[in-house]
């Protein structure tokens, strides 16, 4: 599975962006997917995850502002980010879990098997 993240850019505080993560290779219909982010000088942190059936779970810092959803027909997972804040500035990574395990949410990095290359989101004040 290869993951290609896109959609990052520069946006003013209060603005919106939609990130995309396209999966190639094996179909990812059954894979939980997640978004993580890493701000400058900080460790990578969990943002959101979506199960194969569409259940979602969010970090408290983005709850109510971000929405994760997937289109299995397009092998793509999205992260809609609204009401962006300067503290949302980070490189955003998508991830896929292929090893199975019937539990949710999946919030730890080592629970994911594949990672995209990251896309930079910069929110100006």
PDB file of N, CA and C in Angstrom:
ATOM      1  N   UNK A   1       0.853  -1.187   0.000  1.00  0.00           N
ATOM      2  CA  UNK A   1       0.000   0.000   0.000  1.00  0.00           C
ATOM      3  C   UNK A   1       0.890   1.238   0.000  1.00  0.00           C
ATOM      4  N   UNK A   2       0.625   2.124  -0.927  1.00  0.00           N
ATOM      5  CA  UNK A   2       1.307   3.421  -0.941  1.00  0.00           C
ATOM      6  C   UNK A   2       0.262   4.499  -0.670  1.00  0.00           C
ATOM      7  N   UNK A   3       0.635   5.442   0.164  1.00  0.00           N
ATOM      8  CA  UNK A   3      -0.266   6.524   0.538  1.00  0.00           C
ATOM      9  C   UNK A   3       0.313   7.848   0.057  1.00  0.00           C
ATOM     10  N   UNK A   4      -0.517   8.654  -0.583  1.00  0.00           N
ATOM     11  CA  UNK A   4      -0.098   9.950  -1.106  1.00  0.00           C
ATOM     12  C   UNK A   4      -0.985  11.023  -0.520  1.00  0.00           C
ATOM     13  N   UNK A   5      -0.415  11.828   0.361  1.00  0.00           N
ATOM     14  CA  UNK A   5      -1.167  12.915   0.981  1.00  0.00           C
ATOM     15  C   UNK A   5      -1.003  14.193   0.171  1.00  0.00           C
ATOM     16  N   UNK A   6      -2.064  14.973   0.116  1.00  0.00           N
ATOM     17  CA  UNK A   6      -2.037  16.243  -0.602  1.00  0.00           C
ATOM     18  C   UNK A   6      -3.053  17.188   0.007  1.00  0.00           C
ATOM     19  N   UNK A   7      -2.992  18.455  -0.449  1.00  0.00           N
ATOM     20  CA  UNK A   7      -3.984  19.431  -0.025  1.00  0.00           C
ATOM     21  C   UNK A   7      -3.504  20.456   0.975  1.00  0.00           C
ATOM     22  N   UNK A   8      -2.280  20.314   1.445  1.00  0.00           N
ATOM     23  CA  UNK A   8      -1.762  21.289   2.380  1.00  0.00           C
ATOM     24  C   UNK A   8      -1.504  22.628   1.716  1.00  0.00           C
ATOM     25  N   UNK A   9      -1.233  23.622   2.540  1.00  0.00           N
ATOM     26  CA  UNK A   9      -0.960  24.949   2.013  1.00  0.00           C
ATOM     27  C   UNK A   9      -0.980  25.979   3.104  1.00  0.00           C
ATOM     28  N   UNK A  10      -0.985  27.238   2.682  1.00  0.00           N
ATOM     29  CA  UNK A  10      -1.010  28.376   3.598  1.00  0.00           C
ATOM     30  C   UNK A  10      -2.429  28.935   3.661  1.00  0.00           C
ATOM     31  N   UNK A  11      -2.931  29.118   4.869  1.00  0.00           N
ATOM     32  CA  UNK A  11      -4.285  29.628   5.046  1.00  0.00           C
ATOM     33  C   UNK A  11      -4.305  30.547   6.259  1.00  0.00           C
ATOM     34  N   UNK A  12      -5.174  31.515   6.228  1.00  0.00           N
ATOM     35  CA  UNK A  12      -5.313  32.421   7.374  1.00  0.00           C
ATOM     36  C   UNK A  12      -6.121  31.751   8.483  1.00  0.00           C
ATOM     37  N   UNK A  13      -5.888  32.202   9.689  1.00  0.00           N
ATOM     38  CA  UNK A  13      -6.658  31.700  10.817  1.00  0.00           C
ATOM     39  C   UNK A  13      -8.154  31.887  10.554  1.00  0.00           C
ATOM     40  N   UNK A  14      -8.927  30.857  10.888  1.00  0.00           N
ATOM     41  CA  UNK A  14     -10.349  30.869  10.629  1.00  0.00           C
ATOM     42  C   UNK A  14     -10.728  30.246   9.298  1.00  0.00           C
ATOM     43  N   UNK A  15      -9.747  30.001   8.469  1.00  0.00           N
ATOM     44  CA  UNK A  15      -9.986  29.428   7.157  1.00  0.00           C
ATOM     45  C   UNK A  15     -10.120  27.913   7.191  1.00  0.00           C
ATOM     46  N   UNK A  16     -10.229  27.345   5.988  1.00  0.00           N
ATOM     47  CA  UNK A  16     -10.447  25.898   5.850  1.00  0.00           C
ATOM     48  C   UNK A  16      -9.500  25.309   4.818  1.00  0.00           C
ATOM     49  N   UNK A  17      -9.216  24.045   5.006  1.00  0.00           N
ATOM     50  CA  UNK A  17      -8.466  23.252   4.037  1.00  0.00           C
ATOM     51  C   UNK A  17      -9.010  21.835   4.065  1.00  0.00           C
ATOM     52  N   UNK A  18      -8.890  21.158   2.949  1.00  0.00           N
ATOM     53  CA  UNK A  18      -9.237  19.739   2.904  1.00  0.00           C
ATOM     54  C   UNK A  18      -8.010  18.954   2.449  1.00  0.00           C
ATOM     55  N   UNK A  19      -7.569  18.053   3.284  1.00  0.00           N
ATOM     56  CA  UNK A  19      -6.472  17.163   2.944  1.00  0.00           C
ATOM     57  C   UNK A  19      -7.027  15.873   2.358  1.00  0.00           C
ATOM     58  N   UNK A  20      -6.261  15.313   1.431  1.00  0.00           N
ATOM     59  CA  UNK A  20      -6.630  14.034   0.829  1.00  0.00           C
ATOM     60  C   UNK A  20      -5.487  13.052   0.995  1.00  0.00           C
ATOM     61  N   UNK A  21      -5.843  11.794   1.090  1.00  0.00           N
ATOM     62  CA  UNK A  21      -4.840  10.738   1.168  1.00  0.00           C
ATOM     63  C   UNK A  21      -5.302   9.614   0.251  1.00  0.00           C
ATOM     64  N   UNK A  22      -4.624   9.479  -0.867  1.00  0.00           N
ATOM     65  CA  UNK A  22      -4.986   8.472  -1.854  1.00  0.00           C
ATOM     66  C   UNK A  22      -4.123   7.236  -1.658  1.00  0.00           C
ATOM     67  N   UNK A  23      -4.783   6.085  -1.627  1.00  0.00           N
ATOM     68  CA  UNK A  23      -4.088   4.820  -1.446  1.00  0.00           C
ATOM     69  C   UNK A  23      -3.996   4.077  -2.767  1.00  0.00           C
ATOM     70  N   UNK A  24      -2.837   3.611  -3.083  1.00  0.00           N
ATOM     71  CA  UNK A  24      -2.644   2.800  -4.287  1.00  0.00           C
ATOM     72  C   UNK A  24      -2.131   1.427  -3.872  1.00  0.00           C
ATOM     73  N   UNK A  25      -2.214   0.512  -4.792  1.00  0.00           N
ATOM     74  CA  UNK A  25      -1.833  -0.841  -4.452  1.00  0.00           C
ATOM     75  C   UNK A  25      -3.062  -1.628  -4.037  1.00  0.00           C
ATOM     76  N   UNK A  26      -2.963  -2.326  -2.937  1.00  0.00           N
ATOM     77  CA  UNK A  26      -4.087  -3.128  -2.487  1.00  0.00           C
ATOM     78  C   UNK A  26      -5.239  -2.248  -2.032  1.00  0.00           C
ATOM     79  N   UNK A  27      -6.462  -2.704  -2.228  1.00  0.00           N
ATOM     80  CA  UNK A  27      -7.643  -1.955  -1.810  1.00  0.00           C
ATOM     81  C   UNK A  27      -7.626  -1.799  -0.298  1.00  0.00           C
ATOM     82  N   UNK A  28      -8.049  -0.629   0.157  1.00  0.00           N
ATOM     83  CA  UNK A  28      -7.939  -0.356   1.592  1.00  0.00           C
ATOM     84  C   UNK A  28      -9.291  -0.314   2.295  1.00  0.00           C
ATOM     85  N   UNK A  29     -10.312  -0.904   1.650  1.00  0.00           N
ATOM     86  CA  UNK A  29     -11.667  -0.832   2.191  1.00  0.00           C
ATOM     87  C   UNK A  29     -11.756  -1.273   3.648  1.00  0.00           C
ATOM     88  N   UNK A  30     -10.970  -2.270   4.021  1.00  0.00           N
ATOM     89  CA  UNK A  30     -11.077  -2.826   5.361  1.00  0.00           C
ATOM     90  C   UNK A  30     -10.086  -2.222   6.351  1.00  0.00           C
ATOM     91  N   UNK A  31      -9.326  -1.247   5.913  1.00  0.00           N
ATOM     92  CA  UNK A  31      -8.277  -0.703   6.769  1.00  0.00           C
ATOM     93  C   UNK A  31      -8.783   0.512   7.544  1.00  0.00           C
ATOM     94  N   UNK A  32      -8.604   0.535   8.840  1.00  0.00           N
ATOM     95  CA  UNK A  32      -8.751   1.789   9.543  1.00  0.00           C
ATOM     96  C   UNK A  32      -7.694   2.774   9.035  1.00  0.00           C
ATOM     97  N   UNK A  33      -8.067   4.030   8.959  1.00  0.00           N
ATOM     98  CA  UNK A  33      -7.169   5.064   8.478  1.00  0.00           C
ATOM     99  C   UNK A  33      -7.066   6.162   9.528  1.00  0.00           C
ATOM    100  N   UNK A  34      -5.931   6.814   9.538  1.00  0.00           N
ATOM    101  CA  UNK A  34      -5.746   7.875  10.521  1.00  0.00           C
ATOM    102  C   UNK A  34      -4.974   9.052   9.956  1.00  0.00           C
ATOM    103  N   UNK A  35      -5.136  10.179  10.626  1.00  0.00           N
ATOM    104  CA  UNK A  35      -4.324  11.366  10.353  1.00  0.00           C
ATOM    105  C   UNK A  35      -3.562  11.723  11.630  1.00  0.00           C
ATOM    106  N   UNK A  36      -2.299  12.047  11.443  1.00  0.00           N
ATOM    107  CA  UNK A  36      -1.440  12.518  12.522  1.00  0.00           C
ATOM    108  C   UNK A  36      -0.799  13.830  12.051  1.00  0.00           C
ATOM    109  N   UNK A  37      -0.210  14.552  12.976  1.00  0.00           N
ATOM    110  CA  UNK A  37       0.483  15.776  12.599  1.00  0.00           C
ATOM    111  C   UNK A  37       1.701  15.982  13.481  1.00  0.00           C
ATOM    112  N   UNK A  38       2.662  16.700  12.913  1.00  0.00           N
ATOM    113  CA  UNK A  38       3.875  17.024  13.659  1.00  0.00           C
ATOM    114  C   UNK A  38       4.198  18.493  13.457  1.00  0.00           C
ATOM    115  N   UNK A  39       4.086  19.228  14.533  1.00  0.00           N
ATOM    116  CA  UNK A  39       4.422  20.645  14.514  1.00  0.00           C
ATOM    117  C   UNK A  39       5.927  20.816  14.704  1.00  0.00           C
ATOM    118  N   UNK A  40       6.466  21.956  14.282  1.00  0.00           N
ATOM    119  CA  UNK A  40       7.903  22.187  14.433  1.00  0.00           C
ATOM    120  C   UNK A  40       8.350  22.045  15.880  1.00  0.00           C
ATOM    121  N   UNK A  41       9.376  21.227  16.097  1.00  0.00           N
ATOM    122  CA  UNK A  41       9.915  21.053  17.432  1.00  0.00           C
ATOM    123  C   UNK A  41       9.108  20.181  18.356  1.00  0.00           C
ATOM    124  N   UNK A  42       8.054  19.551  17.816  1.00  0.00           N
ATOM    125  CA  UNK A  42       7.190  18.716  18.658  1.00  0.00           C
ATOM    126  C   UNK A  42       7.116  17.308  18.103  1.00  0.00           C
ATOM    127  N   UNK A  43       6.629  16.404  18.930  1.00  0.00           N
ATOM    128  CA  UNK A  43       6.450  15.031  18.481  1.00  0.00           C
ATOM    129  C   UNK A  43       5.175  14.910  17.650  1.00  0.00           C
ATOM    130  N   UNK A  44       5.156  13.889  16.835  1.00  0.00           N
ATOM    131  CA  UNK A  44       3.967  13.642  16.032  1.00  0.00           C
ATOM    132  C   UNK A  44       2.823  13.222  16.942  1.00  0.00           C
ATOM    133  N   UNK A  45       1.623  13.735  16.655  1.00  0.00           N
ATOM    134  CA  UNK A  45       0.467  13.466  17.500  1.00  0.00           C
ATOM    135  C   UNK A  45      -0.722  13.024  16.677  1.00  0.00           C
ATOM    136  N   UNK A  46      -1.592  12.295  17.338  1.00  0.00           N
ATOM    137  CA  UNK A  46      -2.826  11.822  16.722  1.00  0.00           C
ATOM    138  C   UNK A  46      -3.779  12.974  16.459  1.00  0.00           C
ATOM    139  N   UNK A  47      -4.479  12.899  15.312  1.00  0.00           N
ATOM    140  CA  UNK A  47      -5.481  13.908  14.975  1.00  0.00           C
ATOM    141  C   UNK A  47      -6.873  13.287  14.867  1.00  0.00           C
ATOM    142  N   UNK A  48      -6.990  12.273  14.011  1.00  0.00           N
ATOM    143  CA  UNK A  48      -8.310  11.684  13.777  1.00  0.00           C
ATOM    144  C   UNK A  48      -8.147  10.304  13.153  1.00  0.00           C
ATOM    145  N   UNK A  49      -9.175   9.477  13.320  1.00  0.00           N
ATOM    146  CA  UNK A  49      -9.165   8.161  12.704  1.00  0.00           C
ATOM    147  C   UNK A  49     -10.565   7.788  12.256  1.00  0.00           C
ATOM    148  N   UNK A  50     -10.637   6.956  11.222  1.00  0.00           N
ATOM    149  CA  UNK A  50     -11.912   6.475  10.703  1.00  0.00           C
ATOM    150  C   UNK A  50     -11.806   4.973  10.483  1.00  0.00           C
ATOM    151  N   UNK A  51     -12.821   4.250  10.929  1.00  0.00           N
ATOM    152  CA  UNK A  51     -12.836   2.800  10.749  1.00  0.00           C
ATOM    153  C   UNK A  51     -13.250   2.451   9.323  1.00  0.00           C
ATOM    154  N   UNK A  52     -13.174   1.184   8.997  1.00  0.00           N
ATOM    155  CA  UNK A  52     -13.550   0.759   7.657  1.00  0.00           C
ATOM    156  C   UNK A  52     -15.024   1.060   7.391  1.00  0.00           C
ATOM    157  N   UNK A  53     -15.840   1.073   8.461  1.00  0.00           N
ATOM    158  CA  UNK A  53     -17.276   1.291   8.304  1.00  0.00           C
ATOM    159  C   UNK A  53     -17.676   2.750   8.441  1.00  0.00           C
ATOM    160  N   UNK A  54     -16.700   3.618   8.727  1.00  0.00           N
ATOM    161  CA  UNK A  54     -17.017   5.040   8.792  1.00  0.00           C
ATOM    162  C   UNK A  54     -17.120   5.623  10.189  1.00  0.00           C
ATOM    163  N   UNK A  55     -16.907   4.820  11.217  1.00  0.00           N
ATOM    164  CA  UNK A  55     -16.869   5.384  12.566  1.00  0.00           C
ATOM    165  C   UNK A  55     -15.664   6.300  12.698  1.00  0.00           C
ATOM    166  N   UNK A  56     -15.819   7.361  13.464  1.00  0.00           N
ATOM    167  CA  UNK A  56     -14.750   8.352  13.575  1.00  0.00           C
ATOM    168  C   UNK A  56     -14.415   8.653  15.031  1.00  0.00           C
ATOM    169  N   UNK A  57     -13.194   9.142  15.212  1.00  0.00           N
ATOM    170  CA  UNK A  57     -12.737   9.527  16.545  1.00  0.00           C
ATOM    171  C   UNK A  57     -11.705  10.618  16.370  1.00  0.00           C
ATOM    172  N   UNK A  58     -11.740  11.635  17.286  1.00  0.00           N
ATOM    173  CA  UNK A  58     -10.894  12.817  17.120  1.00  0.00           C
ATOM    174  C   UNK A  58     -10.115  13.138  18.390  1.00  0.00           C
ATOM    175  N   UNK A  59      -8.982  13.761  18.191  1.00  0.00           N
ATOM    176  CA  UNK A  59      -8.279  14.361  19.311  1.00  0.00           C
ATOM    177  C   UNK A  59      -9.108  15.534  19.825  1.00  0.00           C
ATOM    178  N   UNK A  60      -9.040  15.769  21.116  1.00  0.00           N
ATOM    179  CA  UNK A  60      -9.832  16.850  21.703  1.00  0.00           C
ATOM    180  C   UNK A  60      -9.509  18.198  21.068  1.00  0.00           C
ATOM    181  N   UNK A  61      -8.268  18.384  20.655  1.00  0.00           N
ATOM    182  CA  UNK A  61      -7.836  19.671  20.118  1.00  0.00           C
ATOM    183  C   UNK A  61      -8.486  20.012  18.781  1.00  0.00           C
ATOM    184  N   UNK A  62      -9.029  19.026  18.089  1.00  0.00           N
ATOM    185  CA  UNK A  62      -9.623  19.292  16.771  1.00  0.00           C
ATOM    186  C   UNK A  62     -11.111  18.954  16.718  1.00  0.00           C
ATOM    187  N   UNK A  63     -11.627  18.378  17.781  1.00  0.00           N
ATOM    188  CA  UNK A  63     -13.023  17.954  17.800  1.00  0.00           C
ATOM    189  C   UNK A  63     -13.937  19.156  17.545  1.00  0.00           C
ATOM    190  N   UNK A  64     -14.893  18.964  16.648  1.00  0.00           N
ATOM    191  CA  UNK A  64     -15.817  20.034  16.304  1.00  0.00           C
ATOM    192  C   UNK A  64     -15.324  20.930  15.183  1.00  0.00           C
ATOM    193  N   UNK A  65     -14.050  20.828  14.844  1.00  0.00           N
ATOM    194  CA  UNK A  65     -13.493  21.653  13.765  1.00  0.00           C
ATOM    195  C   UNK A  65     -13.052  20.813  12.564  1.00  0.00           C
ATOM    196  N   UNK A  66     -12.552  19.620  12.836  1.00  0.00           N
ATOM    197  CA  UNK A  66     -12.068  18.736  11.776  1.00  0.00           C
ATOM    198  C   UNK A  66     -13.044  17.583  11.573  1.00  0.00           C
ATOM    199  N   UNK A  67     -13.109  17.113  10.330  1.00  0.00           N
ATOM    200  CA  UNK A  67     -13.931  15.954   9.996  1.00  0.00           C
ATOM    201  C   UNK A  67     -13.127  15.000   9.134  1.00  0.00           C
ATOM    202  N   UNK A  68     -13.058  13.751   9.544  1.00  0.00           N
ATOM    203  CA  UNK A  68     -12.404  12.717   8.744  1.00  0.00           C
ATOM    204  C   UNK A  68     -13.488  11.874   8.083  1.00  0.00           C
ATOM    205  N   UNK A  69     -13.290  11.571   6.822  1.00  0.00           N
ATOM    206  CA  UNK A  69     -14.229  10.707   6.127  1.00  0.00           C
ATOM    207  C   UNK A  69     -13.496  10.016   4.997  1.00  0.00           C
ATOM    208  N   UNK A  70     -14.101   8.962   4.496  1.00  0.00           N
ATOM    209  CA  UNK A  70     -13.449   8.158   3.478  1.00  0.00           C
ATOM    210  C   UNK A  70     -14.403   7.873   2.329  1.00  0.00           C
ATOM    211  N   UNK A  71     -13.799   7.683   1.161  1.00  0.00           N
ATOM    212  CA  UNK A  71     -14.530   7.262  -0.030  1.00  0.00           C
ATOM    213  C   UNK A  71     -13.835   5.993  -0.503  1.00  0.00           C
ATOM    214  N   UNK A  72     -14.385   4.861  -0.147  1.00  0.00           N
ATOM    215  CA  UNK A  72     -13.728   3.594  -0.469  1.00  0.00           C
ATOM    216  C   UNK A  72     -13.694   3.328  -1.972  1.00  0.00           C
ATOM    217  N   UNK A  73     -14.653   3.874  -2.689  1.00  0.00           N
ATOM    218  CA  UNK A  73     -14.660   3.690  -4.143  1.00  0.00           C
ATOM    219  C   UNK A  73     -13.463   4.374  -4.790  1.00  0.00           C
ATOM    220  N   UNK A  74     -12.973   5.418  -4.124  1.00  0.00           N
ATOM    221  CA  UNK A  74     -11.829   6.161  -4.645  1.00  0.00           C
ATOM    222  C   UNK A  74     -10.539   5.847  -3.893  1.00  0.00           C
ATOM    223  N   UNK A  75     -10.627   4.909  -2.938  1.00  0.00           N
ATOM    224  CA  UNK A  75      -9.442   4.572  -2.127  1.00  0.00           C
ATOM    225  C   UNK A  75      -8.820   5.820  -1.509  1.00  0.00           C
ATOM    226  N   UNK A  76      -9.655   6.685  -0.990  1.00  0.00           N
ATOM    227  CA  UNK A  76      -9.177   7.975  -0.489  1.00  0.00           C
ATOM    228  C   UNK A  76      -9.813   8.283   0.861  1.00  0.00           C
ATOM    229  N   UNK A  77      -9.011   8.827   1.744  1.00  0.00           N
ATOM    230  CA  UNK A  77      -9.510   9.349   3.011  1.00  0.00           C
ATOM    231  C   UNK A  77      -9.220  10.847   3.036  1.00  0.00           C
ATOM    232  N   UNK A  78     -10.134  11.590   3.652  1.00  0.00           N
ATOM    233  CA  UNK A  78     -10.049  13.040   3.660  1.00  0.00           C
ATOM    234  C   UNK A  78     -10.012  13.568   5.093  1.00  0.00           C
ATOM    235  N   UNK A  79      -9.462  14.747   5.231  1.00  0.00           N
ATOM    236  CA  UNK A  79      -9.531  15.470   6.491  1.00  0.00           C
ATOM    237  C   UNK A  79      -9.972  16.890   6.174  1.00  0.00           C
ATOM    238  N   UNK A  80     -11.225  17.182   6.478  1.00  0.00           N
ATOM    239  CA  UNK A  80     -11.746  18.535   6.298  1.00  0.00           C
ATOM    240  C   UNK A  80     -11.432  19.329   7.553  1.00  0.00           C
ATOM    241  N   UNK A  81     -10.713  20.419   7.381  1.00  0.00           N
ATOM    242  CA  UNK A  81     -10.263  21.221   8.518  1.00  0.00           C
ATOM    243  C   UNK A  81     -10.889  22.604   8.416  1.00  0.00           C
ATOM    244  N   UNK A  82     -11.727  22.934   9.384  1.00  0.00           N
ATOM    245  CA  UNK A  82     -12.384  24.240   9.435  1.00  0.00           C
ATOM    246  C   UNK A  82     -11.921  25.008  10.667  1.00  0.00           C
ATOM    247  N   UNK A  83     -12.189  26.297  10.654  1.00  0.00           N
ATOM    248  CA  UNK A  83     -11.835  27.157  11.793  1.00  0.00           C
ATOM    249  C   UNK A  83     -10.385  26.931  12.221  1.00  0.00           C
ATOM    250  N   UNK A  84      -9.511  26.960  11.261  1.00  0.00           N
ATOM    251  CA  UNK A  84      -8.105  26.657  11.539  1.00  0.00           C
ATOM    252  C   UNK A  84      -7.483  27.714  12.434  1.00  0.00           C
ATOM    253  N   UNK A  85      -6.557  27.239  13.262  1.00  0.00           N
ATOM    254  CA  UNK A  85      -5.846  28.091  14.210  1.00  0.00           C
ATOM    255  C   UNK A  85      -4.350  28.006  13.923  1.00  0.00           C
ATOM    256  N   UNK A  86      -3.596  29.020  14.323  1.00  0.00           N
ATOM    257  CA  UNK A  86      -2.136  28.939  14.115  1.00  0.00           C
ATOM    258  C   UNK A  86      -1.518  27.687  14.732  1.00  0.00           C
ATOM    259  N   UNK A  87      -2.081  27.211  15.829  1.00  0.00           N
ATOM    260  CA  UNK A  87      -1.526  26.011  16.469  1.00  0.00           C
ATOM    261  C   UNK A  87      -1.812  24.730  15.695  1.00  0.00           C
ATOM    262  N   UNK A  88      -2.585  24.822  14.627  1.00  0.00           N
ATOM    263  CA  UNK A  88      -2.787  23.678  13.743  1.00  0.00           C
ATOM    264  C   UNK A  88      -1.657  23.544  12.719  1.00  0.00           C
ATOM    265  N   UNK A  89      -0.769  24.514  12.688  1.00  0.00           N
ATOM    266  CA  UNK A  89       0.359  24.460  11.764  1.00  0.00           C
ATOM    267  C   UNK A  89       1.209  23.232  12.042  1.00  0.00           C
ATOM    268  N   UNK A  90       1.406  22.421  11.005  1.00  0.00           N
ATOM    269  CA  UNK A  90       2.136  21.162  11.170  1.00  0.00           C
ATOM    270  C   UNK A  90       2.246  20.463   9.817  1.00  0.00           C
ATOM    271  N   UNK A  91       3.073  19.452   9.787  1.00  0.00           N
ATOM    272  CA  UNK A  91       3.049  18.510   8.671  1.00  0.00           C
ATOM    273  C   UNK A  91       2.048  17.426   9.035  1.00  0.00           C
ATOM    274  N   UNK A  92       1.110  17.185   8.145  1.00  0.00           N
ATOM    275  CA  UNK A  92       0.048  16.216   8.388  1.00  0.00           C
ATOM    276  C   UNK A  92       0.348  14.930   7.622  1.00  0.00           C
ATOM    277  N   UNK A  93       0.220  13.814   8.326  1.00  0.00           N
ATOM    278  CA  UNK A  93       0.495  12.502   7.761  1.00  0.00           C
ATOM    279  C   UNK A  93      -0.748  11.630   7.818  1.00  0.00           C
ATOM    280  N   UNK A  94      -0.984  10.887   6.743  1.00  0.00           N
ATOM    281  CA  UNK A  94      -2.031   9.887   6.789  1.00  0.00           C
ATOM    282  C   UNK A  94      -1.395   8.519   7.005  1.00  0.00           C
ATOM    283  N   UNK A  95      -2.173   7.614   7.560  1.00  0.00           N
ATOM    284  CA  UNK A  95      -1.665   6.295   7.898  1.00  0.00           C
ATOM    285  C   UNK A  95      -2.758   5.261   7.723  1.00  0.00           C
ATOM    286  N   UNK A  96      -2.342   4.034   7.448  1.00  0.00           N
ATOM    287  CA  UNK A  96      -3.274   2.926   7.260  1.00  0.00           C
ATOM    288  C   UNK A  96      -2.846   1.737   8.121  1.00  0.00           C
ATOM    289  N   UNK A  97      -3.839   1.059   8.655  1.00  0.00           N
ATOM    290  CA  UNK A  97      -3.569  -0.142   9.441  1.00  0.00           C
ATOM    291  C   UNK A  97      -4.082  -1.341   8.667  1.00  0.00           C
ATOM    292  N   UNK A  98      -3.191  -2.295   8.391  1.00  0.00           N
ATOM    293  CA  UNK A  98      -3.577  -3.440   7.580  1.00  0.00           C
ATOM    294  C   UNK A  98      -3.568  -4.751   8.353  1.00  0.00           C
ATOM    295  N   UNK A  99      -3.071  -4.726   9.585  1.00  0.00           N
ATOM    296  CA  UNK A  99      -2.833  -5.994  10.278  1.00  0.00           C
ATOM    297  C   UNK A  99      -4.064  -6.591  10.931  1.00  0.00           C
ATOM    298  N   UNK A 100      -5.186  -5.898  10.893  1.00  0.00           N
ATOM    299  CA  UNK A 100      -6.394  -6.456  11.497  1.00  0.00           C
ATOM    300  C   UNK A 100      -6.503  -6.109  12.956  1.00  0.00           C
ATOM    301  N   UNK A 101      -7.490  -6.701  13.595  1.00  0.00           N
ATOM    302  CA  UNK A 101      -7.750  -6.370  14.994  1.00  0.00           C
ATOM    303  C   UNK A 101      -9.039  -5.592  15.070  1.00  0.00           C
ATOM    304  N   UNK A 102     -10.018  -6.146  15.754  1.00  0.00           N
ATOM    305  CA  UNK A 102     -11.359  -5.576  15.730  1.00  0.00           C
ATOM    306  C   UNK A 102     -11.559  -4.662  16.926  1.00  0.00           C
ATOM    307  N   UNK A 103     -10.852  -3.534  16.918  1.00  0.00           N
ATOM    308  CA  UNK A 103     -11.079  -2.551  17.968  1.00  0.00           C
ATOM    309  C   UNK A 103     -10.920  -1.162  17.365  1.00  0.00           C
ATOM    310  N   UNK A 104     -11.486  -0.228  18.045  1.00  0.00           N
ATOM    311  CA  UNK A 104     -11.517   1.155  17.564  1.00  0.00           C
ATOM    312  C   UNK A 104     -11.791   2.054  18.745  1.00  0.00           C
ATOM    313  N   UNK A 105     -11.202   3.226  18.869  1.00  0.00           N
ATOM    314  CA  UNK A 105     -10.342   3.876  17.880  1.00  0.00           C
ATOM    315  C   UNK A 105      -8.887   3.413  17.972  1.00  0.00           C
ATOM    316  N   UNK A 106      -8.148   3.696  16.927  1.00  0.00           N
ATOM    317  CA  UNK A 106      -6.733   3.368  16.847  1.00  0.00           C
ATOM    318  C   UNK A 106      -5.969   4.677  16.820  1.00  0.00           C
ATOM    319  N   UNK A 107      -5.314   5.004  17.921  1.00  0.00           N
ATOM    320  CA  UNK A 107      -4.769   6.349  18.097  1.00  0.00           C
ATOM    321  C   UNK A 107      -3.261   6.404  18.243  1.00  0.00           C
ATOM    322  N   UNK A 108      -2.596   5.267  18.342  1.00  0.00           N
ATOM    323  CA  UNK A 108      -1.152   5.260  18.538  1.00  0.00           C
ATOM    324  C   UNK A 108      -0.425   4.987  17.232  1.00  0.00           C
ATOM    325  N   UNK A 109       0.683   5.657  17.024  1.00  0.00           N
ATOM    326  CA  UNK A 109       1.405   5.572  15.752  1.00  0.00           C
ATOM    327  C   UNK A 109       1.838   4.146  15.429  1.00  0.00           C
ATOM    328  N   UNK A 110       2.273   3.408  16.442  1.00  0.00           N
ATOM    329  CA  UNK A 110       2.800   2.068  16.166  1.00  0.00           C
ATOM    330  C   UNK A 110       1.700   1.059  15.864  1.00  0.00           C
ATOM    331  N   UNK A 111       0.468   1.510  15.889  1.00  0.00           N
ATOM    332  CA  UNK A 111      -0.646   0.635  15.506  1.00  0.00           C
ATOM    333  C   UNK A 111      -0.939   0.712  14.012  1.00  0.00           C
ATOM    334  N   UNK A 112      -0.239   1.587  13.314  1.00  0.00           N
ATOM    335  CA  UNK A 112      -0.430   1.753  11.876  1.00  0.00           C
ATOM    336  C   UNK A 112       0.749   1.160  11.118  1.00  0.00           C
ATOM    337  N   UNK A 113       0.459   0.672   9.919  1.00  0.00           N
ATOM    338  CA  UNK A 113       1.452  -0.071   9.160  1.00  0.00           C
ATOM    339  C   UNK A 113       2.029   0.697   7.966  1.00  0.00           C
ATOM    340  N   UNK A 114       1.265   1.607   7.424  1.00  0.00           N
ATOM    341  CA  UNK A 114       1.701   2.361   6.245  1.00  0.00           C
ATOM    342  C   UNK A 114       1.502   3.850   6.499  1.00  0.00           C
ATOM    343  N   UNK A 115       2.437   4.629   5.960  1.00  0.00           N
ATOM    344  CA  UNK A 115       2.399   6.080   6.156  1.00  0.00           C
ATOM    345  C   UNK A 115       2.596   6.813   4.840  1.00  0.00           C
ATOM    346  N   UNK A 116       1.895   7.932   4.708  1.00  0.00           N
ATOM    347  CA  UNK A 116       2.129   8.819   3.584  1.00  0.00           C
ATOM    348  C   UNK A 116       3.307   9.723   3.865  1.00  0.00           C
ATOM    349  N   UNK A 117       3.645  10.564   2.888  1.00  0.00           N
ATOM    350  CA  UNK A 117       4.853  11.368   2.979  1.00  0.00           C
ATOM    351  C   UNK A 117       4.659  12.667   3.740  1.00  0.00           C
ATOM    352  N   UNK A 118       3.424  13.037   4.029  1.00  0.00           N
ATOM    353  CA  UNK A 118       3.178  14.272   4.761  1.00  0.00           C
ATOM    354  C   UNK A 118       2.889  15.442   3.845  1.00  0.00           C
ATOM    355  N   UNK A 119       2.020  16.311   4.321  1.00  0.00           N
ATOM    356  CA  UNK A 119       1.699  17.544   3.602  1.00  0.00           C
ATOM    357  C   UNK A 119       1.659  18.680   4.614  1.00  0.00           C
ATOM    358  N   UNK A 120       2.277  19.794   4.264  1.00  0.00           N
ATOM    359  CA  UNK A 120       2.457  20.897   5.204  1.00  0.00           C
ATOM    360  C   UNK A 120       1.240  21.814   5.213  1.00  0.00           C
ATOM    361  N   UNK A 121       0.745  22.078   6.402  1.00  0.00           N
ATOM    362  CA  UNK A 121      -0.327  23.048   6.614  1.00  0.00           C
ATOM    363  C   UNK A 121       0.227  24.178   7.461  1.00  0.00           C
ATOM    364  N   UNK A 122       0.105  25.386   6.952  1.00  0.00           N
ATOM    365  CA  UNK A 122       0.573  26.564   7.681  1.00  0.00           C
ATOM    366  C   UNK A 122      -0.604  27.511   7.861  1.00  0.00           C
ATOM    367  N   UNK A 123      -0.891  27.848   9.113  1.00  0.00           N
ATOM    368  CA  UNK A 123      -2.001  28.736   9.432  1.00  0.00           C
ATOM    369  C   UNK A 123      -1.421  30.027   9.981  1.00  0.00           C
ATOM    370  N   UNK A 124      -1.672  31.107   9.278  1.00  0.00           N
ATOM    371  CA  UNK A 124      -1.147  32.405   9.700  1.00  0.00           C
ATOM    372  C   UNK A 124      -2.155  33.132  10.577  1.00  0.00           C
ATOM    373  N   UNK A 125      -1.638  33.913  11.502  1.00  0.00           N
ATOM    374  CA  UNK A 125      -2.521  34.650  12.427  1.00  0.00           C
ATOM    375  C   UNK A 125      -2.918  36.000  11.875  1.00  0.00           C
TER     376      UNK A 125
END
